[in-house]
PDB file of N, CA and C in Angstrom:
ATOM      1  N   GLY A   1      27.685 -17.793  39.124  1.00  0.00           N
ATOM      2  CA  GLY A   1      28.067 -18.073  37.766  1.00  0.00           C
ATOM      3  C   GLY A   1      29.258 -17.260  37.346  1.00  0.00           C
ATOM      4  N   ARG A   2      29.872 -17.706  36.295  1.00  0.00           N
ATOM      5  CA  ARG A   2      31.032 -17.023  35.744  1.00  0.00           C
ATOM      6  C   ARG A   2      30.582 -16.000  34.712  1.00  0.00           C
ATOM      7  N   PRO A   3      31.196 -14.831  34.704  1.00  0.00           N
ATOM      8  CA  PRO A   3      30.846 -13.834  33.683  1.00  0.00           C
ATOM      9  C   PRO A   3      31.404 -14.247  32.318  1.00  0.00           C
ATOM     10  N   TYR A   4      30.651 -13.963  31.281  1.00  0.00           N
ATOM     11  CA  TYR A   4      31.072 -14.278  29.918  1.00  0.00           C
ATOM     12  C   TYR A   4      31.037 -13.020  29.078  1.00  0.00           C
ATOM     13  N   LEU A   5      31.934 -12.935  28.144  1.00  0.00           N
ATOM     14  CA  LEU A   5      31.938 -11.861  27.171  1.00  0.00           C
ATOM     15  C   LEU A   5      31.382 -12.422  25.870  1.00  0.00           C
ATOM     16  N   VAL A   6      30.327 -11.786  25.360  1.00  0.00           N
ATOM     17  CA  VAL A   6      29.716 -12.231  24.121  1.00  0.00           C
ATOM     18  C   VAL A   6      29.958 -11.153  23.076  1.00  0.00           C
ATOM     19  N   VAL A   7      30.480 -11.537  21.939  1.00  0.00           N
ATOM     20  CA  VAL A   7      30.733 -10.613  20.844  1.00  0.00           C
ATOM     21  C   VAL A   7      29.799 -10.974  19.698  1.00  0.00           C
ATOM     22  N   LEU A   8      29.064  -9.962  19.219  1.00  0.00           N
ATOM     23  CA  LEU A   8      28.159 -10.168  18.091  1.00  0.00           C
ATOM     24  C   LEU A   8      28.758  -9.537  16.854  1.00  0.00           C
ATOM     25  N   LEU A   9      28.839 -10.291  15.787  1.00  0.00           N
ATOM     26  CA  LEU A   9      29.310  -9.771  14.512  1.00  0.00           C
ATOM     27  C   LEU A   9      28.188  -9.883  13.500  1.00  0.00           C
ATOM     28  N   PHE A  10      27.875  -8.778  12.844  1.00  0.00           N
ATOM     29  CA  PHE A  10      26.858  -8.802  11.806  1.00  0.00           C
ATOM     30  C   PHE A  10      27.128  -7.675  10.839  1.00  0.00           C
ATOM     31  N   ASP A  11      26.552  -7.792   9.670  1.00  0.00           N
ATOM     32  CA  ASP A  11      26.701  -6.790   8.628  1.00  0.00           C
ATOM     33  C   ASP A  11      25.680  -5.684   8.895  1.00  0.00           C
ATOM     34  N   LEU A  12      26.158  -4.512   9.296  1.00  0.00           N
ATOM     35  CA  LEU A  12      25.271  -3.417   9.665  1.00  0.00           C
ATOM     36  C   LEU A  12      24.398  -2.981   8.494  1.00  0.00           C
ATOM     37  N   SER A  13      24.896  -3.066   7.266  1.00  0.00           N
ATOM     38  CA  SER A  13      24.087  -2.639   6.123  1.00  0.00           C
ATOM     39  C   SER A  13      22.867  -3.540   5.952  1.00  0.00           C
ATOM     40  N   GLU A  14      23.031  -4.844   6.162  1.00  0.00           N
ATOM     41  CA  GLU A  14      21.883  -5.749   6.079  1.00  0.00           C
ATOM     42  C   GLU A  14      20.908  -5.493   7.220  1.00  0.00           C
ATOM     43  N   PHE A  15      21.439  -5.268   8.411  1.00  0.00           N
ATOM     44  CA  PHE A  15      20.608  -4.990   9.573  1.00  0.00           C
ATOM     45  C   PHE A  15      19.812  -3.699   9.373  1.00  0.00           C
ATOM     46  N   SER A  16      20.468  -2.659   8.879  1.00  0.00           N
ATOM     47  CA  SER A  16      19.808  -1.364   8.733  1.00  0.00           C
ATOM     48  C   SER A  16      18.755  -1.364   7.633  1.00  0.00           C
ATOM     49  N   GLN A  17      18.856  -2.262   6.648  1.00  0.00           N
ATOM     50  CA  GLN A  17      17.851  -2.339   5.589  1.00  0.00           C
ATOM     51  C   GLN A  17      16.473  -2.691   6.134  1.00  0.00           C
ATOM     52  N   GLN A  18      16.432  -3.393   7.254  1.00  0.00           N
ATOM     53  CA  GLN A  18      15.156  -3.754   7.870  1.00  0.00           C
ATOM     54  C   GLN A  18      14.386  -2.518   8.320  1.00  0.00           C
ATOM     55  N   PHE A  19      15.088  -1.428   8.582  1.00  0.00           N
ATOM     56  CA  PHE A  19      14.477  -0.197   9.086  1.00  0.00           C
ATOM     57  C   PHE A  19      14.310   0.863   7.996  1.00  0.00           C
ATOM     58  N   ASP A  20      14.895   0.653   6.837  1.00  0.00           N
ATOM     59  CA  ASP A  20      15.088   1.709   5.846  1.00  0.00           C
ATOM     60  C   ASP A  20      13.865   2.055   5.011  1.00  0.00           C
ATOM     61  N   THR A  21      12.890   1.194   4.893  1.00  0.00           N
ATOM     62  CA  THR A  21      11.795   1.449   3.979  1.00  0.00           C
ATOM     63  C   THR A  21      10.651   2.185   4.658  1.00  0.00           C
ATOM     64  N   MET A  22      10.085   3.160   3.936  1.00  0.00           N
ATOM     65  CA  MET A  22       8.935   3.900   4.425  1.00  0.00           C
ATOM     66  C   MET A  22       7.706   3.186   3.887  1.00  0.00           C
ATOM     67  N   ALA A  23       6.795   2.808   4.756  1.00  0.00           N
ATOM     68  CA  ALA A  23       5.606   2.061   4.350  1.00  0.00           C
ATOM     69  C   ALA A  23       4.470   2.405   5.301  1.00  0.00           C
ATOM     70  N   ALA A  24       3.365   1.647   5.206  1.00  0.00           N
ATOM     71  CA  ALA A  24       2.244   1.862   6.128  1.00  0.00           C
ATOM     72  C   ALA A  24       2.711   1.635   7.559  1.00  0.00           C
ATOM     73  N   GLN A  25       3.632   0.701   7.736  1.00  0.00           N
ATOM     74  CA  GLN A  25       4.225   0.500   9.054  1.00  0.00           C
ATOM     75  C   GLN A  25       5.692   0.871   8.977  1.00  0.00           C
ATOM     76  N   ASN A  26       6.179   1.514  10.010  1.00  0.00           N
ATOM     77  CA  ASN A  26       7.569   1.935  10.044  1.00  0.00           C
ATOM     78  C   ASN A  26       8.270   1.324  11.241  1.00  0.00           C
ATOM     79  N   PHE A  27       9.525   0.971  11.042  1.00  0.00           N
ATOM     80  CA  PHE A  27      10.350   0.408  12.096  1.00  0.00           C
ATOM     81  C   PHE A  27      11.471   1.387  12.428  1.00  0.00           C
ATOM     82  N   TYR A  28      11.770   1.499  13.715  1.00  0.00           N
ATOM     83  CA  TYR A  28      12.819   2.405  14.182  1.00  0.00           C
ATOM     84  C   TYR A  28      13.656   1.710  15.235  1.00  0.00           C
ATOM     85  N   LEU A  29      14.934   2.032  15.265  1.00  0.00           N
ATOM     86  CA  LEU A  29      15.801   1.705  16.382  1.00  0.00           C
ATOM     87  C   LEU A  29      16.124   3.044  17.012  1.00  0.00           C
ATOM     88  N   ILE A  30      15.704   3.232  18.268  1.00  0.00           N
ATOM     89  CA  ILE A  30      15.869   4.533  18.901  1.00  0.00           C
ATOM     90  C   ILE A  30      16.571   4.400  20.244  1.00  0.00           C
ATOM     91  N   ARG A  31      17.145   5.517  20.681  1.00  0.00           N
ATOM     92  CA  ARG A  31      17.688   5.604  22.030  1.00  0.00           C
ATOM     93  C   ARG A  31      16.559   6.016  22.968  1.00  0.00           C
ATOM     94  N   ARG A  32      16.776   5.899  24.262  1.00  0.00           N
ATOM     95  CA  ARG A  32      15.756   6.276  25.240  1.00  0.00           C
ATOM     96  C   ARG A  32      15.329   7.730  25.084  1.00  0.00           C
ATOM     97  N   ASP A  33      16.227   8.614  24.635  1.00  0.00           N
ATOM     98  CA  ASP A  33      15.858  10.018  24.469  1.00  0.00           C
ATOM     99  C   ASP A  33      15.024  10.250  23.203  1.00  0.00           C
ATOM    100  N   GLY A  34      14.778   9.187  22.421  1.00  0.00           N
ATOM    101  CA  GLY A  34      13.945   9.293  21.221  1.00  0.00           C
ATOM    102  C   GLY A  34      14.716   9.465  19.924  1.00  0.00           C
ATOM    103  N   GLN A  35      16.032   9.668  19.999  1.00  0.00           N
ATOM    104  CA  GLN A  35      16.817   9.864  18.786  1.00  0.00           C
ATOM    105  C   GLN A  35      16.783   8.609  17.935  1.00  0.00           C
ATOM    106  N   ILE A  36      16.485   8.786  16.652  1.00  0.00           N
ATOM    107  CA  ILE A  36      16.394   7.675  15.709  1.00  0.00           C
ATOM    108  C   ILE A  36      17.792   7.313  15.228  1.00  0.00           C
ATOM    109  N   LEU A  37      18.209   6.084  15.520  1.00  0.00           N
ATOM    110  CA  LEU A  37      19.499   5.585  15.047  1.00  0.00           C
ATOM    111  C   LEU A  37      19.342   4.908  13.699  1.00  0.00           C
ATOM    112  N   LEU A  38      18.277   4.129  13.541  1.00  0.00           N
ATOM    113  CA  LEU A  38      17.934   3.497  12.271  1.00  0.00           C
ATOM    114  C   LEU A  38      16.444   3.684  12.057  1.00  0.00           C
ATOM    115  N   GLY A  39      16.074   3.950  10.823  1.00  0.00           N
ATOM    116  CA  GLY A  39      14.662   4.149  10.503  1.00  0.00           C
ATOM    117  C   GLY A  39      14.502   4.369   9.015  1.00  0.00           C
ATOM    118  N   PRO A  40      13.307   4.770   8.598  1.00  0.00           N
ATOM    119  CA  PRO A  40      13.086   5.041   7.180  1.00  0.00           C
ATOM    120  C   PRO A  40      14.061   6.106   6.669  1.00  0.00           C
ATOM    121  N   SER A  41      14.327   6.086   5.378  1.00  0.00           N
ATOM    122  CA  SER A  41      15.275   7.035   4.772  1.00  0.00           C
ATOM    123  C   SER A  41      14.975   8.467   5.194  1.00  0.00           C
ATOM    124  N   GLY A  42      16.024   9.165   5.587  1.00  0.00           N
ATOM    125  CA  GLY A  42      15.896  10.566   5.967  1.00  0.00           C
ATOM    126  C   GLY A  42      15.486  10.793   7.412  1.00  0.00           C
ATOM    127  N   GLU A  43      15.231   9.734   8.158  1.00  0.00           N
ATOM    128  CA  GLU A  43      14.770   9.871   9.543  1.00  0.00           C
ATOM    129  C   GLU A  43      15.902   9.774  10.567  1.00  0.00           C
ATOM    130  N   GLN A  44      17.050   9.209  10.182  1.00  0.00           N
ATOM    131  CA  GLN A  44      18.150   9.037  11.123  1.00  0.00           C
ATOM    132  C   GLN A  44      18.562  10.388  11.691  1.00  0.00           C
ATOM    133  N   GLY A  45      18.791  10.408  13.008  1.00  0.00           N
ATOM    134  CA  GLY A  45      19.213  11.629  13.676  1.00  0.00           C
ATOM    135  C   GLY A  45      18.065  12.480  14.180  1.00  0.00           C
ATOM    136  N   LYS A  46      16.868  12.289  13.643  1.00  0.00           N
ATOM    137  CA  LYS A  46      15.699  13.028  14.128  1.00  0.00           C
ATOM    138  C   LYS A  46      15.231  12.402  15.431  1.00  0.00           C
ATOM    139  N   ASN A  47      14.305  13.066  16.083  1.00  0.00           N
ATOM    140  CA  ASN A  47      13.767  12.540  17.325  1.00  0.00           C
ATOM    141  C   ASN A  47      12.357  12.034  17.075  1.00  0.00           C
ATOM    142  N   LEU A  48      12.123  10.759  17.347  1.00  0.00           N
ATOM    143  CA  LEU A  48      10.812  10.152  17.106  1.00  0.00           C
ATOM    144  C   LEU A  48       9.736  10.811  17.957  1.00  0.00           C
ATOM    145  N   ARG A  49      10.114  11.335  19.117  1.00  0.00           N
ATOM    146  CA  ARG A  49       9.143  12.030  19.975  1.00  0.00           C
ATOM    147  C   ARG A  49       8.574  13.275  19.304  1.00  0.00           C
ATOM    148  N   ASP A  50       9.301  13.846  18.349  1.00  0.00           N
ATOM    149  CA  ASP A  50       8.785  15.013  17.619  1.00  0.00           C
ATOM    150  C   ASP A  50       7.687  14.608  16.643  1.00  0.00           C
ATOM    151  N   GLN A  51       7.611  13.329  16.301  1.00  0.00           N
ATOM    152  CA  GLN A  51       6.615  12.832  15.357  1.00  0.00           C
ATOM    153  C   GLN A  51       5.428  12.189  16.060  1.00  0.00           C
ATOM    154  N   ILE A  52       5.721  11.383  17.073  1.00  0.00           N
ATOM    155  CA  ILE A  52       4.663  10.724  17.843  1.00  0.00           C
ATOM    156  C   ILE A  52       5.048  10.738  19.324  1.00  0.00           C
ATOM    157  N   PRO A  53       4.093  11.009  20.204  1.00  0.00           N
ATOM    158  CA  PRO A  53       4.403  10.994  21.642  1.00  0.00           C
ATOM    159  C   PRO A  53       4.542   9.555  22.135  1.00  0.00           C
ATOM    160  N   LEU A  54       5.643   9.245  22.772  1.00  0.00           N
ATOM    161  CA  LEU A  54       5.907   7.883  23.256  1.00  0.00           C
ATOM    162  C   LEU A  54       6.094   7.930  24.762  1.00  0.00           C
ATOM    163  N   SER A  55       5.057   7.613  25.505  1.00  0.00           N
ATOM    164  CA  SER A  55       5.125   7.719  26.963  1.00  0.00           C
ATOM    165  C   SER A  55       6.020   6.657  27.589  1.00  0.00           C
ATOM    166  N   PHE A  56       6.214   5.514  26.918  1.00  0.00           N
ATOM    167  CA  PHE A  56       7.033   4.452  27.515  1.00  0.00           C
ATOM    168  C   PHE A  56       8.475   4.884  27.718  1.00  0.00           C
ATOM    169  N   LEU A  57       8.943   5.871  26.970  1.00  0.00           N
ATOM    170  CA  LEU A  57      10.324   6.324  27.111  1.00  0.00           C
ATOM    171  C   LEU A  57      10.572   7.002  28.454  1.00  0.00           C
ATOM    172  N   ASP A  58       9.498   7.440  29.126  1.00  0.00           N
ATOM    173  CA  ASP A  58       9.641   8.081  30.429  1.00  0.00           C
ATOM    174  C   ASP A  58       9.631   7.079  31.583  1.00  0.00           C
ATOM    175  N   LEU A  59       9.369   5.816  31.291  1.00  0.00           N
ATOM    176  CA  LEU A  59       9.325   4.779  32.316  1.00  0.00           C
ATOM    177  C   LEU A  59      10.695   4.131  32.467  1.00  0.00           C
ATOM    178  N   SER A  60      10.901   3.410  33.558  1.00  0.00           N
ATOM    179  CA  SER A  60      12.160   2.688  33.714  1.00  0.00           C
ATOM    180  C   SER A  60      12.205   1.556  32.683  1.00  0.00           C
ATOM    181  N   LYS A  61      13.401   1.148  32.306  1.00  0.00           N
ATOM    182  CA  LYS A  61      13.546   0.111  31.283  1.00  0.00           C
ATOM    183  C   LYS A  61      12.933  -1.205  31.729  1.00  0.00           C
ATOM    184  N   LYS A  62      12.985  -1.485  33.024  1.00  0.00           N
ATOM    185  CA  LYS A  62      12.411  -2.723  33.535  1.00  0.00           C
ATOM    186  C   LYS A  62      10.896  -2.749  33.301  1.00  0.00           C
ATOM    187  N   ILE A  63      10.245  -1.615  33.512  1.00  0.00           N
ATOM    188  CA  ILE A  63       8.796  -1.510  33.327  1.00  0.00           C
ATOM    189  C   ILE A  63       8.445  -1.428  31.844  1.00  0.00           C
ATOM    190  N   SER A  64       9.281  -0.734  31.078  1.00  0.00           N
ATOM    191  CA  SER A  64       8.951  -0.458  29.680  1.00  0.00           C
ATOM    192  C   SER A  64       9.663  -1.383  28.704  1.00  0.00           C
ATOM    193  N   SER A  65       9.880  -2.625  29.072  1.00  0.00           N
ATOM    194  CA  SER A  65      10.665  -3.508  28.203  1.00  0.00           C
ATOM    195  C   SER A  65       9.913  -3.934  26.943  1.00  0.00           C
ATOM    196  N   ILE A  66       8.587  -4.038  27.004  1.00  0.00           N
ATOM    197  CA  ILE A  66       7.816  -4.434  25.825  1.00  0.00           C
ATOM    198  C   ILE A  66       6.372  -3.957  26.005  1.00  0.00           C
ATOM    199  N   GLY A  67       5.745  -3.548  24.905  1.00  0.00           N
ATOM    200  CA  GLY A  67       4.358  -3.115  25.009  1.00  0.00           C
ATOM    201  C   GLY A  67       3.858  -2.440  23.754  1.00  0.00           C
ATOM    202  N   THR A  68       2.654  -1.903  23.860  1.00  0.00           N
ATOM    203  CA  THR A  68       2.010  -1.190  22.755  1.00  0.00           C
ATOM    204  C   THR A  68       1.275   0.009  23.324  1.00  0.00           C
ATOM    205  N   GLU A  69       1.337   1.127  22.619  1.00  0.00           N
ATOM    206  CA  GLU A  69       0.607   2.334  22.999  1.00  0.00           C
ATOM    207  C   GLU A  69      -0.204   2.817  21.803  1.00  0.00           C
ATOM    208  N   THR A  70      -1.294   3.505  22.082  1.00  0.00           N
ATOM    209  CA  THR A  70      -2.027   4.212  21.037  1.00  0.00           C
ATOM    210  C   THR A  70      -1.582   5.660  21.110  1.00  0.00           C
ATOM    211  N   VAL A  71      -1.142   6.204  19.974  1.00  0.00           N
ATOM    212  CA  VAL A  71      -0.630   7.577  19.919  1.00  0.00           C
ATOM    213  C   VAL A  71      -1.264   8.297  18.738  1.00  0.00           C
ATOM    214  N   THR A  72      -1.184   9.617  18.740  1.00  0.00           N
ATOM    215  CA  THR A  72      -1.654  10.424  17.618  1.00  0.00           C
ATOM    216  C   THR A  72      -0.467  11.213  17.098  1.00  0.00           C
ATOM    217  N   ASP A  73      -0.178  11.079  15.783  1.00  0.00           N
ATOM    218  CA  ASP A  73       0.989  11.763  15.230  1.00  0.00           C
ATOM    219  C   ASP A  73       0.675  13.231  14.955  1.00  0.00           C
ATOM    220  N   GLN A  74       1.651  13.955  14.408  1.00  0.00           N
ATOM    221  CA  GLN A  74       1.522  15.391  14.153  1.00  0.00           C
ATOM    222  C   GLN A  74       0.412  15.718  13.155  1.00  0.00           C
ATOM    223  N   GLN A  75       0.087  14.779  12.270  1.00  0.00           N
ATOM    224  CA  GLN A  75      -0.971  15.001  11.281  1.00  0.00           C
ATOM    225  C   GLN A  75      -2.348  14.590  11.811  1.00  0.00           C
ATOM    226  N   GLY A  76      -2.424  14.158  13.062  1.00  0.00           N
ATOM    227  CA  GLY A  76      -3.692  13.762  13.654  1.00  0.00           C
ATOM    228  C   GLY A  76      -4.089  12.316  13.374  1.00  0.00           C
ATOM    229  N   VAL A  77      -3.168  11.514  12.849  1.00  0.00           N
ATOM    230  CA  VAL A  77      -3.448  10.108  12.551  1.00  0.00           C
ATOM    231  C   VAL A  77      -3.193   9.278  13.808  1.00  0.00           C
ATOM    232  N   ARG A  78      -4.207   8.504  14.209  1.00  0.00           N
ATOM    233  CA  ARG A  78      -4.036   7.604  15.358  1.00  0.00           C
ATOM    234  C   ARG A  78      -3.227   6.390  14.911  1.00  0.00           C
ATOM    235  N   LYS A  79      -2.228   6.047  15.713  1.00  0.00           N
ATOM    236  CA  LYS A  79      -1.334   4.933  15.383  1.00  0.00           C
ATOM    237  C   LYS A  79      -1.152   4.028  16.583  1.00  0.00           C
ATOM    238  N   LEU A  80      -0.806   2.786  16.289  1.00  0.00           N
ATOM    239  CA  LEU A  80      -0.346   1.866  17.314  1.00  0.00           C
ATOM    240  C   LEU A  80       1.172   1.869  17.257  1.00  0.00           C
ATOM    241  N   ALA A  81       1.788   2.047  18.400  1.00  0.00           N
ATOM    242  CA  ALA A  81       3.245   2.013  18.489  1.00  0.00           C
ATOM    243  C   ALA A  81       3.620   0.840  19.384  1.00  0.00           C
ATOM    244  N   SER A  82       4.209  -0.181  18.795  1.00  0.00           N
ATOM    245  CA  SER A  82       4.690  -1.338  19.550  1.00  0.00           C
ATOM    246  C   SER A  82       6.177  -1.145  19.784  1.00  0.00           C
ATOM    247  N   TYR A  83       6.632  -1.554  20.945  1.00  0.00           N
ATOM    248  CA  TYR A  83       8.045  -1.353  21.260  1.00  0.00           C
ATOM    249  C   TYR A  83       8.593  -2.533  22.043  1.00  0.00           C
ATOM    250  N   ALA A  84       9.891  -2.702  21.929  1.00  0.00           N
ATOM    251  CA  ALA A  84      10.600  -3.731  22.694  1.00  0.00           C
ATOM    252  C   ALA A  84      11.994  -3.203  22.998  1.00  0.00           C
ATOM    253  N   ALA A  85      12.412  -3.370  24.241  1.00  0.00           N
ATOM    254  CA  ALA A  85      13.749  -2.953  24.639  1.00  0.00           C
ATOM    255  C   ALA A  85      14.770  -3.918  24.051  1.00  0.00           C
ATOM    256  N   VAL A  86      15.887  -3.375  23.617  1.00  0.00           N
ATOM    257  CA  VAL A  86      17.009  -4.187  23.156  1.00  0.00           C
ATOM    258  C   VAL A  86      17.793  -4.576  24.404  1.00  0.00           C
ATOM    259  N   GLU A  87      18.268  -5.786  24.446  1.00  0.00           N
ATOM    260  CA  GLU A  87      18.933  -6.294  25.645  1.00  0.00           C
ATOM    261  C   GLU A  87      20.201  -5.543  26.022  1.00  0.00           C
ATOM    262  N   TRP A  88      20.873  -4.926  25.078  1.00  0.00           N
ATOM    263  CA  TRP A  88      22.102  -4.209  25.386  1.00  0.00           C
ATOM    264  C   TRP A  88      21.919  -2.742  25.022  1.00  0.00           C
ATOM    265  N   GLY A  89      22.518  -1.891  25.805  1.00  0.00           N
ATOM    266  CA  GLY A  89      22.367  -0.461  25.576  1.00  0.00           C
ATOM    267  C   GLY A  89      20.993  -0.002  26.027  1.00  0.00           C
ATOM    268  N   ASP A  90      20.746   1.257  25.936  1.00  0.00           N
ATOM    269  CA  ASP A  90      19.445   1.823  26.304  1.00  0.00           C
ATOM    270  C   ASP A  90      18.674   2.097  25.019  1.00  0.00           C
ATOM    271  N   LEU A  91      18.431   1.018  24.259  1.00  0.00           N
ATOM    272  CA  LEU A  91      17.831   1.118  22.938  1.00  0.00           C
ATOM    273  C   LEU A  91      16.496   0.392  22.880  1.00  0.00           C
ATOM    274  N   PHE A  92      15.653   0.832  21.933  1.00  0.00           N
ATOM    275  CA  PHE A  92      14.351   0.224  21.717  1.00  0.00           C
ATOM    276  C   PHE A  92      14.097   0.065  20.224  1.00  0.00           C
ATOM    277  N   VAL A  93      13.407  -1.000  19.861  1.00  0.00           N
ATOM    278  CA  VAL A  93      12.872  -1.158  18.510  1.00  0.00           C
ATOM    279  C   VAL A  93      11.411  -0.745  18.611  1.00  0.00           C
ATOM    280  N   VAL A  94      10.995   0.154  17.723  1.00  0.00           N
ATOM    281  CA  VAL A  94       9.628   0.667  17.717  1.00  0.00           C
ATOM    282  C   VAL A  94       9.027   0.427  16.339  1.00  0.00           C
ATOM    283  N   ARG A  95       7.801  -0.036  16.327  1.00  0.00           N
ATOM    284  CA  ARG A  95       7.047  -0.214  15.086  1.00  0.00           C
ATOM    285  C   ARG A  95       5.794   0.632  15.212  1.00  0.00           C
ATOM    286  N   SER A  96       5.568   1.523  14.237  1.00  0.00           N
ATOM    287  CA  SER A  96       4.344   2.322  14.253  1.00  0.00           C
ATOM    288  C   SER A  96       3.526   1.989  13.014  1.00  0.00           C
ATOM    289  N   VAL A  97       2.216   1.907  13.210  1.00  0.00           N
ATOM    290  CA  VAL A  97       1.308   1.573  12.121  1.00  0.00           C
ATOM    291  C   VAL A  97      -0.008   2.310  12.374  1.00  0.00           C
ATOM    292  N   PRO A  98      -0.618   2.884  11.322  1.00  0.00           N
ATOM    293  CA  PRO A  98      -1.913   3.539  11.513  1.00  0.00           C
ATOM    294  C   PRO A  98      -2.930   2.567  12.112  1.00  0.00           C
ATOM    295  N   GLU A  99      -3.670   3.039  13.091  1.00  0.00           N
ATOM    296  CA  GLU A  99      -4.628   2.190  13.794  1.00  0.00           C
ATOM    297  C   GLU A  99      -5.644   1.566  12.832  1.00  0.00           C
ATOM    298  N   ALA A 100      -6.118   2.344  11.883  1.00  0.00           N
ATOM    299  CA  ALA A 100      -7.100   1.826  10.918  1.00  0.00           C
ATOM    300  C   ALA A 100      -6.511   0.670  10.110  1.00  0.00           C
ATOM    301  N   TRP A 101      -5.248   0.791   9.717  1.00  0.00           N
ATOM    302  CA  TRP A 101      -4.589  -0.272   8.960  1.00  0.00           C
ATOM    303  C   TRP A 101      -4.385  -1.503   9.837  1.00  0.00           C
ATOM    304  N   ALA A 102      -4.009  -1.276  11.088  1.00  0.00           N
ATOM    305  CA  ALA A 102      -3.738  -2.390  11.996  1.00  0.00           C
ATOM    306  C   ALA A 102      -4.988  -3.221  12.255  1.00  0.00           C
ATOM    307  N   PHE A 103      -6.134  -2.570  12.308  1.00  0.00           N
ATOM    308  CA  PHE A 103      -7.367  -3.282  12.615  1.00  0.00           C
ATOM    309  C   PHE A 103      -8.228  -3.562  11.384  1.00  0.00           C
ATOM    310  N   SER A 104      -7.689  -3.350  10.197  1.00  0.00           N
ATOM    311  CA  SER A 104      -8.480  -3.572   8.976  1.00  0.00           C
ATOM    312  C   SER A 104      -8.893  -5.035   8.825  1.00  0.00           C
ATOM    313  N   ALA A 105      -8.055  -5.964   9.231  1.00  0.00           N
ATOM    314  CA  ALA A 105      -8.403  -7.387   9.135  1.00  0.00           C
ATOM    315  C   ALA A 105      -9.573  -7.723  10.062  1.00  0.00           C
ATOM    316  N   VAL A 106      -9.624  -7.087  11.216  1.00  0.00           N
ATOM    317  CA  VAL A 106     -10.735  -7.317  12.149  1.00  0.00           C
ATOM    318  C   VAL A 106     -12.037  -6.818  11.540  1.00  0.00           C
ATOM    319  N   ALA A 107     -11.985  -5.674  10.868  1.00  0.00           N
ATOM    320  CA  ALA A 107     -13.188  -5.123  10.230  1.00  0.00           C
ATOM    321  C   ALA A 107     -13.695  -6.066   9.140  1.00  0.00           C
ATOM    322  N   VAL A 108     -12.795  -6.655   8.378  1.00  0.00           N
ATOM    323  CA  VAL A 108     -13.186  -7.602   7.327  1.00  0.00           C
ATOM    324  C   VAL A 108     -13.850  -8.826   7.957  1.00  0.00           C
ATOM    325  N   LEU A 109     -13.282  -9.340   9.023  1.00  0.00           N
ATOM    326  CA  LEU A 109     -13.872 -10.500   9.701  1.00  0.00           C
ATOM    327  C   LEU A 109     -15.260 -10.184  10.247  1.00  0.00           C
ATOM    328  N   LYS A 110     -15.436  -8.974  10.773  1.00  0.00           N
ATOM    329  CA  LYS A 110     -16.761  -8.580  11.280  1.00  0.00           C
ATOM    330  C   LYS A 110     -17.778  -8.563  10.147  1.00  0.00           C
ATOM    331  N   ARG A 111     -17.405  -7.967   9.017  1.00  0.00           N
ATOM    332  CA  ARG A 111     -18.322  -7.898   7.872  1.00  0.00           C
ATOM    333  C   ARG A 111     -18.675  -9.290   7.379  1.00  0.00           C
ATOM    334  N   LYS A 112     -17.687 -10.166   7.294  1.00  0.00           N
ATOM    335  CA  LYS A 112     -17.943 -11.526   6.814  1.00  0.00           C
ATOM    336  C   LYS A 112     -18.840 -12.293   7.782  1.00  0.00           C
ATOM    337  N   SER A 113     -18.647 -12.092   9.071  1.00  0.00           N
ATOM    338  CA  SER A 113     -19.465 -12.814  10.039  1.00  0.00           C
ATOM    339  C   SER A 113     -20.921 -12.320  10.008  1.00  0.00           C
ATOM    340  N   LEU A 114     -21.119 -11.061   9.673  1.00  0.00           N
ATOM    341  CA  LEU A 114     -22.484 -10.525   9.563  1.00  0.00           C
ATOM    342  C   LEU A 114     -23.207 -11.104   8.344  1.00  0.00           C
ATOM    343  N   LEU A 115     -22.445 -11.415   7.298  1.00  0.00           N
ATOM    344  CA  LEU A 115     -23.035 -11.968   6.089  1.00  0.00           C
ATOM    345  C   LEU A 115     -23.453 -13.415   6.269  1.00  0.00           C
ATOM    346  N   LEU A 116     -22.814 -14.124   7.182  1.00  0.00           N
ATOM    347  CA  LEU A 116     -23.130 -15.535   7.405  1.00  0.00           C
ATOM    348  C   LEU A 116     -24.302 -15.641   8.271  1.00  0.00           C
TER     349      LEU A 116
END
């Protein structure tokens, strides 16, 4: 095949807004070393590994292209960390959410099924 050059143009401010809000779930764009490039306000430049241990960052990109890990943050809160490799650069999108919040819908379904 012939090589192609693909140029992507987008408004970085709109793109970064997707990562900017602090909520029950947080989104990050990080480098393989854990440095936060985009994330909730005040998080840029910090290292996500200092907040939550992410073992997938130690794996090769081919192995660690997409997945979910259970981690415990510095405050002792168990979280689910979902990640996906970005196709260009050595970057990852990471979403972290408290485990209890992530599975709250399952707990509601269990309670409802017991009532029936």
